[in-house]
Amino acid sequence: MKVQRQIIFHEHYFTDFYLEQTEKVQEKIEYVFKIIRTVQNVPKKFLDHMTGTDGLYEIRIEVESNIYRIFCCFDKGNLVVLFNGFQKKSQKTPKKEIDLALKVKCEYFNLKKKSDGYK
């Protein structure tokens, strides 16, 4: 059986990042998304929990010697919600990127709560 996770984008953050990338990077992003959508246990090489955060994950993409990260979280098990992405220039993930991802994650769940309240 194929595991089917659904990937959605919250707001414009991921799209903005994606559109700035080269075709090669975009292809690799698509490839990693395919793995996330279909593989039960996604290897840490492609998806890893951010230590010290509440449910924030990073999707890891490597193209040649460039490293890219896209923050995301899970919602209702099979829904992967994408937030901001960036090119990693050092070993440490920039705090401003993590802070932005946490802010966007909060925003996503608050909006969701509001819309669930209207149903």
PDB file of N, CA and C in Angstrom:
ATOM      1  N   MET A   1       0.837  -1.211   0.000  1.00  0.00           N
ATOM      2  CA  MET A   1       0.000   0.000   0.000  1.00  0.00           C
ATOM      3  C   MET A   1       0.869   1.256   0.000  1.00  0.00           C
ATOM      4  N   LYS A   2       0.481   2.208  -0.788  1.00  0.00           N
ATOM      5  CA  LYS A   2       1.217   3.466  -0.856  1.00  0.00           C
ATOM      6  C   LYS A   2       0.763   4.367   0.293  1.00  0.00           C
ATOM      7  N   VAL A   3       1.708   4.861   1.048  1.00  0.00           N
ATOM      8  CA  VAL A   3       1.394   5.845   2.078  1.00  0.00           C
ATOM      9  C   VAL A   3       1.074   7.128   1.336  1.00  0.00           C
ATOM     10  N   GLN A   4      -0.011   7.775   1.641  1.00  0.00           N
ATOM     11  CA  GLN A   4      -0.284   9.037   0.971  1.00  0.00           C
ATOM     12  C   GLN A   4      -0.367  10.161   1.989  1.00  0.00           C
ATOM     13  N   ARG A   5       0.664  10.949   2.014  1.00  0.00           N
ATOM     14  CA  ARG A   5       0.585  12.166   2.820  1.00  0.00           C
ATOM     15  C   ARG A   5       0.242  13.276   1.860  1.00  0.00           C
ATOM     16  N   GLN A   6      -0.477  14.232   2.353  1.00  0.00           N
ATOM     17  CA  GLN A   6      -0.809  15.378   1.520  1.00  0.00           C
ATOM     18  C   GLN A   6       0.071  16.536   1.965  1.00  0.00           C
ATOM     19  N   ILE A   7       0.606  17.270   1.004  1.00  0.00           N
ATOM     20  CA  ILE A   7       1.452  18.424   1.330  1.00  0.00           C
ATOM     21  C   ILE A   7       0.689  19.685   0.949  1.00  0.00           C
ATOM     22  N   ILE A   8       0.534  20.584   1.909  1.00  0.00           N
ATOM     23  CA  ILE A   8      -0.115  21.858   1.612  1.00  0.00           C
ATOM     24  C   ILE A   8       0.827  22.996   2.009  1.00  0.00           C
ATOM     25  N   PHE A   9       0.598  24.165   1.453  1.00  0.00           N
ATOM     26  CA  PHE A   9       1.425  25.333   1.772  1.00  0.00           C
ATOM     27  C   PHE A   9       0.584  26.275   2.608  1.00  0.00           C
ATOM     28  N   HIS A  10       1.195  26.797   3.669  1.00  0.00           N
ATOM     29  CA  HIS A  10       0.490  27.825   4.444  1.00  0.00           C
ATOM     30  C   HIS A  10       0.983  29.194   3.985  1.00  0.00           C
ATOM     31  N   GLU A  11       0.049  30.006   3.572  1.00  0.00           N
ATOM     32  CA  GLU A  11       0.377  31.355   3.095  1.00  0.00           C
ATOM     33  C   GLU A  11       1.313  31.280   1.891  1.00  0.00           C
ATOM     34  N   HIS A  12       2.190  32.272   1.759  1.00  0.00           N
ATOM     35  CA  HIS A  12       3.025  32.415   0.554  1.00  0.00           C
ATOM     36  C   HIS A  12       4.479  32.039   0.791  1.00  0.00           C
ATOM     37  N   TYR A  13       4.841  31.703   2.024  1.00  0.00           N
ATOM     38  CA  TYR A  13       6.262  31.557   2.383  1.00  0.00           C
ATOM     39  C   TYR A  13       6.990  30.537   1.521  1.00  0.00           C
ATOM     40  N   PHE A  14       6.434  29.333   1.426  1.00  0.00           N
ATOM     41  CA  PHE A  14       7.114  28.298   0.655  1.00  0.00           C
ATOM     42  C   PHE A  14       7.159  28.666  -0.827  1.00  0.00           C
ATOM     43  N   THR A  15       6.047  29.122  -1.374  1.00  0.00           N
ATOM     44  CA  THR A  15       5.977  29.463  -2.798  1.00  0.00           C
ATOM     45  C   THR A  15       7.011  30.516  -3.157  1.00  0.00           C
ATOM     46  N   ASP A  16       7.146  31.540  -2.314  1.00  0.00           N
ATOM     47  CA  ASP A  16       8.143  32.595  -2.549  1.00  0.00           C
ATOM     48  C   ASP A  16       9.537  31.984  -2.654  1.00  0.00           C
ATOM     49  N   PHE A  17       9.848  31.108  -1.717  1.00  0.00           N
ATOM     50  CA  PHE A  17      11.154  30.455  -1.689  1.00  0.00           C
ATOM     51  C   PHE A  17      11.337  29.582  -2.937  1.00  0.00           C
ATOM     52  N   TYR A  18      10.345  28.776  -3.242  1.00  0.00           N
ATOM     53  CA  TYR A  18      10.412  27.822  -4.355  1.00  0.00           C
ATOM     54  C   TYR A  18      10.661  28.527  -5.689  1.00  0.00           C
ATOM     55  N   LEU A  19       9.940  29.604  -5.912  1.00  0.00           N
ATOM     56  CA  LEU A  19      10.046  30.306  -7.188  1.00  0.00           C
ATOM     57  C   LEU A  19      11.410  30.972  -7.399  1.00  0.00           C
ATOM     58  N   GLU A  20      12.139  31.197  -6.311  1.00  0.00           N
ATOM     59  CA  GLU A  20      13.478  31.806  -6.426  1.00  0.00           C
ATOM     60  C   GLU A  20      14.545  30.776  -6.807  1.00  0.00           C
ATOM     61  N   GLN A  21      14.209  29.494  -6.721  1.00  0.00           N
ATOM     62  CA  GLN A  21      15.216  28.452  -6.920  1.00  0.00           C
ATOM     63  C   GLN A  21      15.416  28.106  -8.393  1.00  0.00           C
ATOM     64  N   THR A  22      16.570  27.518  -8.686  1.00  0.00           N
ATOM     65  CA  THR A  22      16.853  27.070 -10.043  1.00  0.00           C
ATOM     66  C   THR A  22      15.993  25.845 -10.343  1.00  0.00           C
ATOM     67  N   GLU A  23      15.905  25.509 -11.607  1.00  0.00           N
ATOM     68  CA  GLU A  23      15.116  24.350 -12.013  1.00  0.00           C
ATOM     69  C   GLU A  23      15.627  23.077 -11.339  1.00  0.00           C
ATOM     70  N   LYS A  24      16.939  22.977 -11.222  1.00  0.00           N
ATOM     71  CA  LYS A  24      17.563  21.804 -10.611  1.00  0.00           C
ATOM     72  C   LYS A  24      17.136  21.659  -9.144  1.00  0.00           C
ATOM     73  N   VAL A  25      17.126  22.771  -8.424  1.00  0.00           N
ATOM     74  CA  VAL A  25      16.723  22.753  -7.018  1.00  0.00           C
ATOM     75  C   VAL A  25      15.236  22.421  -6.925  1.00  0.00           C
ATOM     76  N   GLN A  26      14.430  23.009  -7.792  1.00  0.00           N
ATOM     77  CA  GLN A  26      12.990  22.727  -7.795  1.00  0.00           C
ATOM     78  C   GLN A  26      12.727  21.238  -8.038  1.00  0.00           C
ATOM     79  N   GLU A  27      13.488  20.647  -8.965  1.00  0.00           N
ATOM     80  CA  GLU A  27      13.323  19.217  -9.245  1.00  0.00           C
ATOM     81  C   GLU A  27      13.649  18.375  -8.023  1.00  0.00           C
ATOM     82  N   LYS A  28      14.693  18.749  -7.309  1.00  0.00           N
ATOM     83  CA  LYS A  28      15.088  18.002  -6.114  1.00  0.00           C
ATOM     84  C   LYS A  28      14.022  18.167  -5.023  1.00  0.00           C
ATOM     85  N   ILE A  29      13.468  19.371  -4.907  1.00  0.00           N
ATOM     86  CA  ILE A  29      12.393  19.601  -3.935  1.00  0.00           C
ATOM     87  C   ILE A  29      11.214  18.677  -4.264  1.00  0.00           C
ATOM     88  N   GLU A  30      10.845  18.610  -5.536  1.00  0.00           N
ATOM     89  CA  GLU A  30       9.739  17.738  -5.967  1.00  0.00           C
ATOM     90  C   GLU A  30      10.032  16.269  -5.631  1.00  0.00           C
ATOM     91  N   TYR A  31      11.278  15.877  -5.857  1.00  0.00           N
ATOM     92  CA  TYR A  31      11.689  14.504  -5.569  1.00  0.00           C
ATOM     93  C   TYR A  31      11.522  14.184  -4.077  1.00  0.00           C
ATOM     94  N   VAL A  32      11.995  15.087  -3.224  1.00  0.00           N
ATOM     95  CA  VAL A  32      11.895  14.872  -1.779  1.00  0.00           C
ATOM     96  C   VAL A  32      10.428  14.885  -1.346  1.00  0.00           C
ATOM     97  N   PHE A  33       9.624  15.757  -1.948  1.00  0.00           N
ATOM     98  CA  PHE A  33       8.184  15.775  -1.630  1.00  0.00           C
ATOM     99  C   PHE A  33       7.545  14.436  -1.966  1.00  0.00           C
ATOM    100  N   LYS A  34       7.982  13.844  -3.079  1.00  0.00           N
ATOM    101  CA  LYS A  34       7.429  12.549  -3.489  1.00  0.00           C
ATOM    102  C   LYS A  34       7.730  11.489  -2.419  1.00  0.00           C
ATOM    103  N   ILE A  35       8.953  11.523  -1.899  1.00  0.00           N
ATOM    104  CA  ILE A  35       9.331  10.591  -0.834  1.00  0.00           C
ATOM    105  C   ILE A  35       8.456  10.826   0.389  1.00  0.00           C
ATOM    106  N   ILE A  36       8.297  12.088   0.768  1.00  0.00           N
ATOM    107  CA  ILE A  36       7.495  12.405   1.952  1.00  0.00           C
ATOM    108  C   ILE A  36       6.046  11.950   1.763  1.00  0.00           C
ATOM    109  N   ARG A  37       5.530  12.108   0.542  1.00  0.00           N
ATOM    110  CA  ARG A  37       4.157  11.695   0.272  1.00  0.00           C
ATOM    111  C   ARG A  37       3.966  10.182   0.333  1.00  0.00           C
ATOM    112  N   THR A  38       4.983   9.429  -0.079  1.00  0.00           N
ATOM    113  CA  THR A  38       4.762   7.998  -0.304  1.00  0.00           C
ATOM    114  C   THR A  38       5.521   7.034   0.607  1.00  0.00           C
ATOM    115  N   VAL A  39       6.562   7.469   1.292  1.00  0.00           N
ATOM    116  CA  VAL A  39       7.350   6.548   2.114  1.00  0.00           C
ATOM    117  C   VAL A  39       6.879   6.605   3.571  1.00  0.00           C
ATOM    118  N   GLN A  40       6.582   5.425   4.128  1.00  0.00           N
ATOM    119  CA  GLN A  40       6.095   5.348   5.511  1.00  0.00           C
ATOM    120  C   GLN A  40       7.066   6.013   6.491  1.00  0.00           C
ATOM    121  N   ASN A  41       8.303   5.511   6.530  1.00  0.00           N
ATOM    122  CA  ASN A  41       9.305   6.086   7.427  1.00  0.00           C
ATOM    123  C   ASN A  41      10.318   6.868   6.596  1.00  0.00           C
ATOM    124  N   VAL A  42      10.090   8.164   6.505  1.00  0.00           N
ATOM    125  CA  VAL A  42      10.959   9.014   5.687  1.00  0.00           C
ATOM    126  C   VAL A  42      12.341   9.084   6.353  1.00  0.00           C
ATOM    127  N   PRO A  43      13.413   8.796   5.608  1.00  0.00           N
ATOM    128  CA  PRO A  43      14.764   8.868   6.194  1.00  0.00           C
ATOM    129  C   PRO A  43      15.069  10.269   6.734  1.00  0.00           C
ATOM    130  N   LYS A  44      15.806  10.304   7.856  1.00  0.00           N
ATOM    131  CA  LYS A  44      16.197  11.580   8.486  1.00  0.00           C
ATOM    132  C   LYS A  44      16.954  12.474   7.506  1.00  0.00           C
ATOM    133  N   LYS A  45      17.576  11.856   6.529  1.00  0.00           N
ATOM    134  CA  LYS A  45      18.309  12.608   5.520  1.00  0.00           C
ATOM    135  C   LYS A  45      17.387  13.607   4.813  1.00  0.00           C
ATOM    136  N   PHE A  46      16.086  13.276   4.728  1.00  0.00           N
ATOM    137  CA  PHE A  46      15.122  14.124   4.022  1.00  0.00           C
ATOM    138  C   PHE A  46      14.167  14.887   4.942  1.00  0.00           C
ATOM    139  N   LEU A  47      13.920  14.341   6.128  1.00  0.00           N
ATOM    140  CA  LEU A  47      12.943  14.965   7.031  1.00  0.00           C
ATOM    141  C   LEU A  47      13.359  14.690   8.460  1.00  0.00           C
ATOM    142  N   ASP A  48      13.513  15.746   9.243  1.00  0.00           N
ATOM    143  CA  ASP A  48      13.947  15.544  10.623  1.00  0.00           C
ATOM    144  C   ASP A  48      13.256  16.533  11.546  1.00  0.00           C
ATOM    145  N   HIS A  49      12.995  16.069  12.769  1.00  0.00           N
ATOM    146  CA  HIS A  49      12.377  16.934  13.776  1.00  0.00           C
ATOM    147  C   HIS A  49      13.413  17.940  14.266  1.00  0.00           C
ATOM    148  N   MET A  50      12.986  19.179  14.432  1.00  0.00           N
ATOM    149  CA  MET A  50      13.889  20.211  14.954  1.00  0.00           C
ATOM    150  C   MET A  50      13.941  20.074  16.471  1.00  0.00           C
ATOM    151  N   THR A  51      15.112  19.747  16.969  1.00  0.00           N
ATOM    152  CA  THR A  51      15.299  19.577  18.404  1.00  0.00           C
ATOM    153  C   THR A  51      14.885  20.846  19.151  1.00  0.00           C
ATOM    154  N   GLY A  52      14.217  20.648  20.253  1.00  0.00           N
ATOM    155  CA  GLY A  52      13.843  21.790  21.094  1.00  0.00           C
ATOM    156  C   GLY A  52      12.627  22.554  20.599  1.00  0.00           C
ATOM    157  N   THR A  53      11.894  22.001  19.621  1.00  0.00           N
ATOM    158  CA  THR A  53      10.675  22.671  19.157  1.00  0.00           C
ATOM    159  C   THR A  53       9.497  21.724  19.360  1.00  0.00           C
ATOM    160  N   ASP A  54       8.340  22.289  19.361  1.00  0.00           N
ATOM    161  CA  ASP A  54       7.132  21.505  19.527  1.00  0.00           C
ATOM    162  C   ASP A  54       6.571  21.159  18.145  1.00  0.00           C
ATOM    163  N   GLY A  55       7.007  20.038  17.622  1.00  0.00           N
ATOM    164  CA  GLY A  55       6.436  19.559  16.369  1.00  0.00           C
ATOM    165  C   GLY A  55       6.880  20.268  15.102  1.00  0.00           C
ATOM    166  N   LEU A  56       8.008  20.972  15.152  1.00  0.00           N
ATOM    167  CA  LEU A  56       8.518  21.609  13.940  1.00  0.00           C
ATOM    168  C   LEU A  56       9.525  20.662  13.287  1.00  0.00           C
ATOM    169  N   TYR A  57       9.372  20.469  11.982  1.00  0.00           N
ATOM    170  CA  TYR A  57      10.265  19.585  11.234  1.00  0.00           C
ATOM    171  C   TYR A  57      10.957  20.384  10.148  1.00  0.00           C
ATOM    172  N   GLU A  58      12.077  19.837   9.663  1.00  0.00           N
ATOM    173  CA  GLU A  58      12.708  20.468   8.512  1.00  0.00           C
ATOM    174  C   GLU A  58      12.865  19.430   7.415  1.00  0.00           C
ATOM    175  N   ILE A  59      12.491  19.853   6.219  1.00  0.00           N
ATOM    176  CA  ILE A  59      12.689  19.028   5.041  1.00  0.00           C
ATOM    177  C   ILE A  59      14.069  19.411   4.533  1.00  0.00           C
ATOM    178  N   ARG A  60      14.895  18.404   4.263  1.00  0.00           N
ATOM    179  CA  ARG A  60      16.294  18.660   3.907  1.00  0.00           C
ATOM    180  C   ARG A  60      16.521  18.364   2.444  1.00  0.00           C
ATOM    181  N   ILE A  61      17.086  19.335   1.774  1.00  0.00           N
ATOM    182  CA  ILE A  61      17.341  19.185   0.343  1.00  0.00           C
ATOM    183  C   ILE A  61      18.785  19.558   0.060  1.00  0.00           C
ATOM    184  N   GLU A  62      19.464  18.689  -0.661  1.00  0.00           N
ATOM    185  CA  GLU A  62      20.842  18.983  -1.040  1.00  0.00           C
ATOM    186  C   GLU A  62      20.981  18.908  -2.543  1.00  0.00           C
ATOM    187  N   VAL A  63      21.547  19.952  -3.121  1.00  0.00           N
ATOM    188  CA  VAL A  63      21.812  19.965  -4.552  1.00  0.00           C
ATOM    189  C   VAL A  63      23.257  20.405  -4.703  1.00  0.00           C
ATOM    190  N   GLU A  64      24.064  19.500  -5.267  1.00  0.00           N
ATOM    191  CA  GLU A  64      25.495  19.739  -5.352  1.00  0.00           C
ATOM    192  C   GLU A  64      25.996  20.065  -3.956  1.00  0.00           C
ATOM    193  N   SER A  65      26.646  21.209  -3.754  1.00  0.00           N
ATOM    194  CA  SER A  65      27.132  21.464  -2.393  1.00  0.00           C
ATOM    195  C   SER A  65      26.221  22.445  -1.649  1.00  0.00           C
ATOM    196  N   ASN A  66      25.052  22.705  -2.202  1.00  0.00           N
ATOM    197  CA  ASN A  66      24.120  23.622  -1.547  1.00  0.00           C
ATOM    198  C   ASN A  66      23.101  22.855  -0.706  1.00  0.00           C
ATOM    199  N   ILE A  67      22.805  23.444   0.435  1.00  0.00           N
ATOM    200  CA  ILE A  67      21.857  22.820   1.348  1.00  0.00           C
ATOM    201  C   ILE A  67      20.663  23.754   1.527  1.00  0.00           C
ATOM    202  N   TYR A  68      19.476  23.178   1.402  1.00  0.00           N
ATOM    203  CA  TYR A  68      18.238  23.947   1.557  1.00  0.00           C
ATOM    204  C   TYR A  68      17.398  23.305   2.644  1.00  0.00           C
ATOM    205  N   ARG A  69      16.636  24.135   3.325  1.00  0.00           N
ATOM    206  CA  ARG A  69      15.738  23.635   4.357  1.00  0.00           C
ATOM    207  C   ARG A  69      14.363  24.241   4.146  1.00  0.00           C
ATOM    208  N   ILE A  70      13.351  23.418   4.384  1.00  0.00           N
ATOM    209  CA  ILE A  70      11.967  23.909   4.341  1.00  0.00           C
ATOM    210  C   ILE A  70      11.335  23.446   5.642  1.00  0.00           C
ATOM    211  N   PHE A  71      10.820  24.383   6.403  1.00  0.00           N
ATOM    212  CA  PHE A  71      10.190  24.011   7.660  1.00  0.00           C
ATOM    213  C   PHE A  71       8.765  23.549   7.408  1.00  0.00           C
ATOM    214  N   CYS A  72       8.324  22.620   8.246  1.00  0.00           N
ATOM    215  CA  CYS A  72       6.957  22.122   8.106  1.00  0.00           C
ATOM    216  C   CYS A  72       6.506  21.519   9.428  1.00  0.00           C
ATOM    217  N   CYS A  73       5.244  21.150   9.472  1.00  0.00           N
ATOM    218  CA  CYS A  73       4.745  20.395  10.609  1.00  0.00           C
ATOM    219  C   CYS A  73       3.692  19.419  10.093  1.00  0.00           C
ATOM    220  N   PHE A  74       3.288  18.511  10.955  1.00  0.00           N
ATOM    221  CA  PHE A  74       2.232  17.570  10.590  1.00  0.00           C
ATOM    222  C   PHE A  74       0.934  18.032  11.217  1.00  0.00           C
ATOM    223  N   ASP A  75      -0.143  17.802  10.508  1.00  0.00           N
ATOM    224  CA  ASP A  75      -1.461  18.126  11.031  1.00  0.00           C
ATOM    225  C   ASP A  75      -2.333  16.919  10.721  1.00  0.00           C
ATOM    226  N   LYS A  76      -3.039  16.425  11.714  1.00  0.00           N
ATOM    227  CA  LYS A  76      -3.906  15.255  11.518  1.00  0.00           C
ATOM    228  C   LYS A  76      -3.176  14.092  10.856  1.00  0.00           C
ATOM    229  N   GLY A  77      -1.958  13.828  11.287  1.00  0.00           N
ATOM    230  CA  GLY A  77      -1.241  12.647  10.828  1.00  0.00           C
ATOM    231  C   GLY A  77      -0.679  12.686   9.429  1.00  0.00           C
ATOM    232  N   ASN A  78      -1.542  12.750   8.411  1.00  0.00           N
ATOM    233  CA  ASN A  78      -1.036  12.644   7.044  1.00  0.00           C
ATOM    234  C   ASN A  78      -0.968  13.951   6.284  1.00  0.00           C
ATOM    235  N   LEU A  79      -1.211  15.044   6.967  1.00  0.00           N
ATOM    236  CA  LEU A  79      -1.165  16.336   6.302  1.00  0.00           C
ATOM    237  C   LEU A  79       0.152  17.019   6.682  1.00  0.00           C
ATOM    238  N   VAL A  80       0.940  17.376   5.670  1.00  0.00           N
ATOM    239  CA  VAL A  80       2.205  18.064   5.930  1.00  0.00           C
ATOM    240  C   VAL A  80       2.007  19.519   5.505  1.00  0.00           C
ATOM    241  N   VAL A  81       2.206  20.426   6.446  1.00  0.00           N
ATOM    242  CA  VAL A  81       1.996  21.845   6.173  1.00  0.00           C
ATOM    243  C   VAL A  81       3.358  22.520   6.034  1.00  0.00           C
ATOM    244  N   LEU A  82       3.601  23.114   4.853  1.00  0.00           N
ATOM    245  CA  LEU A  82       4.896  23.750   4.594  1.00  0.00           C
ATOM    246  C   LEU A  82       4.900  25.206   5.013  1.00  0.00           C
ATOM    247  N   PHE A  83       6.038  25.622   5.569  1.00  0.00           N
ATOM    248  CA  PHE A  83       6.223  27.017   5.953  1.00  0.00           C
ATOM    249  C   PHE A  83       7.358  27.611   5.125  1.00  0.00           C
ATOM    250  N   ASN A  84       8.260  28.326   5.776  1.00  0.00           N
ATOM    251  CA  ASN A  84       9.339  29.004   5.069  1.00  0.00           C
ATOM    252  C   ASN A  84      10.476  28.062   4.676  1.00  0.00           C
ATOM    253  N   GLY A  85      11.164  28.432   3.603  1.00  0.00           N
ATOM    254  CA  GLY A  85      12.335  27.691   3.168  1.00  0.00           C
ATOM    255  C   GLY A  85      13.495  28.654   3.042  1.00  0.00           C
ATOM    256  N   PHE A  86      14.709  28.138   3.096  1.00  0.00           N
ATOM    257  CA  PHE A  86      15.878  29.005   2.936  1.00  0.00           C
ATOM    258  C   PHE A  86      17.080  28.161   2.543  1.00  0.00           C
ATOM    259  N   GLN A  87      18.109  28.828   2.060  1.00  0.00           N
ATOM    260  CA  GLN A  87      19.360  28.138   1.753  1.00  0.00           C
ATOM    261  C   GLN A  87      20.243  28.228   2.979  1.00  0.00           C
ATOM    262  N   LYS A  88      20.751  27.098   3.390  1.00  0.00           N
ATOM    263  CA  LYS A  88      21.577  27.048   4.592  1.00  0.00           C
ATOM    264  C   LYS A  88      23.018  27.368   4.226  1.00  0.00           C
ATOM    265  N   LYS A  89      23.593  28.335   4.915  1.00  0.00           N
ATOM    266  CA  LYS A  89      24.951  28.758   4.576  1.00  0.00           C
ATOM    267  C   LYS A  89      25.971  28.335   5.637  1.00  0.00           C
ATOM    268  N   SER A  90      25.489  27.834   6.777  1.00  0.00           N
ATOM    269  CA  SER A  90      26.421  27.425   7.835  1.00  0.00           C
ATOM    270  C   SER A  90      25.856  26.185   8.514  1.00  0.00           C
ATOM    271  N   GLN A  91      26.615  25.619   9.433  1.00  0.00           N
ATOM    272  CA  GLN A  91      26.163  24.412  10.135  1.00  0.00           C
ATOM    273  C   GLN A  91      24.887  24.664  10.926  1.00  0.00           C
ATOM    274  N   LYS A  92      24.856  25.823  11.554  1.00  0.00           N
ATOM    275  CA  LYS A  92      23.718  26.137  12.406  1.00  0.00           C
ATOM    276  C   LYS A  92      22.568  26.745  11.617  1.00  0.00           C
ATOM    277  N   THR A  93      21.363  26.286  11.924  1.00  0.00           N
ATOM    278  CA  THR A  93      20.182  26.863  11.288  1.00  0.00           C
ATOM    279  C   THR A  93      19.948  28.240  11.908  1.00  0.00           C
ATOM    280  N   PRO A  94      19.832  29.278  11.075  1.00  0.00           N
ATOM    281  CA  PRO A  94      19.642  30.636  11.620  1.00  0.00           C
ATOM    282  C   PRO A  94      18.396  30.728  12.508  1.00  0.00           C
ATOM    283  N   LYS A  95      18.581  31.333  13.677  1.00  0.00           N
ATOM    284  CA  LYS A  95      17.488  31.458  14.635  1.00  0.00           C
ATOM    285  C   LYS A  95      16.306  32.218  14.023  1.00  0.00           C
ATOM    286  N   LYS A  96      16.592  33.218  13.181  1.00  0.00           N
ATOM    287  CA  LYS A  96      15.482  33.990  12.607  1.00  0.00           C
ATOM    288  C   LYS A  96      14.589  33.114  11.723  1.00  0.00           C
ATOM    289  N   GLU A  97      15.190  32.117  11.056  1.00  0.00           N
ATOM    290  CA  GLU A  97      14.397  31.209  10.224  1.00  0.00           C
ATOM    291  C   GLU A  97      13.525  30.296  11.091  1.00  0.00           C
ATOM    292  N   ILE A  98      14.098  29.811  12.199  1.00  0.00           N
ATOM    293  CA  ILE A  98      13.333  28.962  13.120  1.00  0.00           C
ATOM    294  C   ILE A  98      12.202  29.776  13.742  1.00  0.00           C
ATOM    295  N   ASP A  99      12.530  31.009  14.168  1.00  0.00           N
ATOM    296  CA  ASP A  99      11.505  31.873  14.774  1.00  0.00           C
ATOM    297  C   ASP A  99      10.368  32.144  13.799  1.00  0.00           C
ATOM    298  N   LEU A 100      10.719  32.404  12.539  1.00  0.00           N
ATOM    299  CA  LEU A 100       9.700  32.647  11.528  1.00  0.00           C
ATOM    300  C   LEU A 100       8.822  31.400  11.364  1.00  0.00           C
ATOM    301  N   ALA A 101       9.459  30.240  11.272  1.00  0.00           N
ATOM    302  CA  ALA A 101       8.706  28.987  11.105  1.00  0.00           C
ATOM    303  C   ALA A 101       7.749  28.768  12.276  1.00  0.00           C
ATOM    304  N   LEU A 102       8.210  29.038  13.481  1.00  0.00           N
ATOM    305  CA  LEU A 102       7.352  28.849  14.663  1.00  0.00           C
ATOM    306  C   LEU A 102       6.192  29.836  14.648  1.00  0.00           C
ATOM    307  N   LYS A 103       6.478  31.044  14.216  1.00  0.00           N
ATOM    308  CA  LYS A 103       5.433  32.070  14.127  1.00  0.00           C
ATOM    309  C   LYS A 103       4.377  31.650  13.093  1.00  0.00           C
ATOM    310  N   VAL A 104       4.843  31.181  11.941  1.00  0.00           N
ATOM    311  CA  VAL A 104       3.938  30.782  10.861  1.00  0.00           C
ATOM    312  C   VAL A 104       3.124  29.556  11.281  1.00  0.00           C
ATOM    313  N   LYS A 105       3.766  28.638  12.001  1.00  0.00           N
ATOM    314  CA  LYS A 105       3.069  27.438  12.488  1.00  0.00           C
ATOM    315  C   LYS A 105       1.925  27.853  13.425  1.00  0.00           C
ATOM    316  N   CYS A 106       2.231  28.776  14.309  1.00  0.00           N
ATOM    317  CA  CYS A 106       1.235  29.301  15.248  1.00  0.00           C
ATOM    318  C   CYS A 106       0.071  29.923  14.486  1.00  0.00           C
ATOM    319  N   GLU A 107       0.418  30.738  13.504  1.00  0.00           N
ATOM    320  CA  GLU A 107      -0.546  31.407  12.632  1.00  0.00           C
ATOM    321  C   GLU A 107      -1.474  30.370  11.968  1.00  0.00           C
ATOM    322  N   TYR A 108      -0.859  29.319  11.442  1.00  0.00           N
ATOM    323  CA  TYR A 108      -1.614  28.268  10.744  1.00  0.00           C
ATOM    324  C   TYR A 108      -2.653  27.643  11.679  1.00  0.00           C
ATOM    325  N   PHE A 109      -2.211  27.236  12.877  1.00  0.00           N
ATOM    326  CA  PHE A 109      -3.142  26.568  13.792  1.00  0.00           C
ATOM    327  C   PHE A 109      -4.192  27.524  14.342  1.00  0.00           C
ATOM    328  N   ASN A 110      -3.839  28.797  14.522  1.00  0.00           N
ATOM    329  CA  ASN A 110      -4.828  29.785  14.972  1.00  0.00           C
ATOM    330  C   ASN A 110      -5.902  30.001  13.910  1.00  0.00           C
ATOM    331  N   LEU A 111      -5.472  30.136  12.653  1.00  0.00           N
ATOM    332  CA  LEU A 111      -6.424  30.296  11.548  1.00  0.00           C
ATOM    333  C   LEU A 111      -7.335  29.083  11.446  1.00  0.00           C
ATOM    334  N   LYS A 112      -6.730  27.921  11.598  1.00  0.00           N
ATOM    335  CA  LYS A 112      -7.481  26.676  11.500  1.00  0.00           C
ATOM    336  C   LYS A 112      -8.536  26.603  12.601  1.00  0.00           C
ATOM    337  N   LYS A 113      -8.121  26.978  13.810  1.00  0.00           N
ATOM    338  CA  LYS A 113      -9.049  26.974  14.943  1.00  0.00           C
ATOM    339  C   LYS A 113     -10.233  27.881  14.664  1.00  0.00           C
ATOM    340  N   LYS A 114      -9.923  29.079  14.139  1.00  0.00           N
ATOM    341  CA  LYS A 114     -10.976  30.036  13.814  1.00  0.00           C
ATOM    342  C   LYS A 114     -11.927  29.456  12.790  1.00  0.00           C
ATOM    343  N   SER A 115     -11.381  28.893  11.698  1.00  0.00           N
ATOM    344  CA  SER A 115     -12.258  28.372  10.660  1.00  0.00           C
ATOM    345  C   SER A 115     -13.031  27.147  11.151  1.00  0.00           C
ATOM    346  N   ASP A 116     -12.438  26.340  12.029  1.00  0.00           N
ATOM    347  CA  ASP A 116     -13.173  25.204  12.591  1.00  0.00           C
ATOM    348  C   ASP A 116     -14.320  25.684  13.472  1.00  0.00           C
ATOM    349  N   GLY A 117     -14.104  26.838  14.093  1.00  0.00           N
ATOM    350  CA  GLY A 117     -15.141  27.390  14.968  1.00  0.00           C
ATOM    351  C   GLY A 117     -16.366  27.849  14.204  1.00  0.00           C
ATOM    352  N   TYR A 118     -16.207  28.118  12.903  1.00  0.00           N
ATOM    353  CA  TYR A 118     -17.327  28.616  12.098  1.00  0.00           C
ATOM    354  C   TYR A 118     -18.097  27.503  11.418  1.00  0.00           C
ATOM    355  N   LYS A 119     -17.633  26.291  11.525  1.00  0.00           N
ATOM    356  CA  LYS A 119     -18.306  25.188  10.824  1.00  0.00           C
ATOM    357  C   LYS A 119     -19.553  24.755  11.554  1.00  0.00           C
TER     358      LYS A 119
END
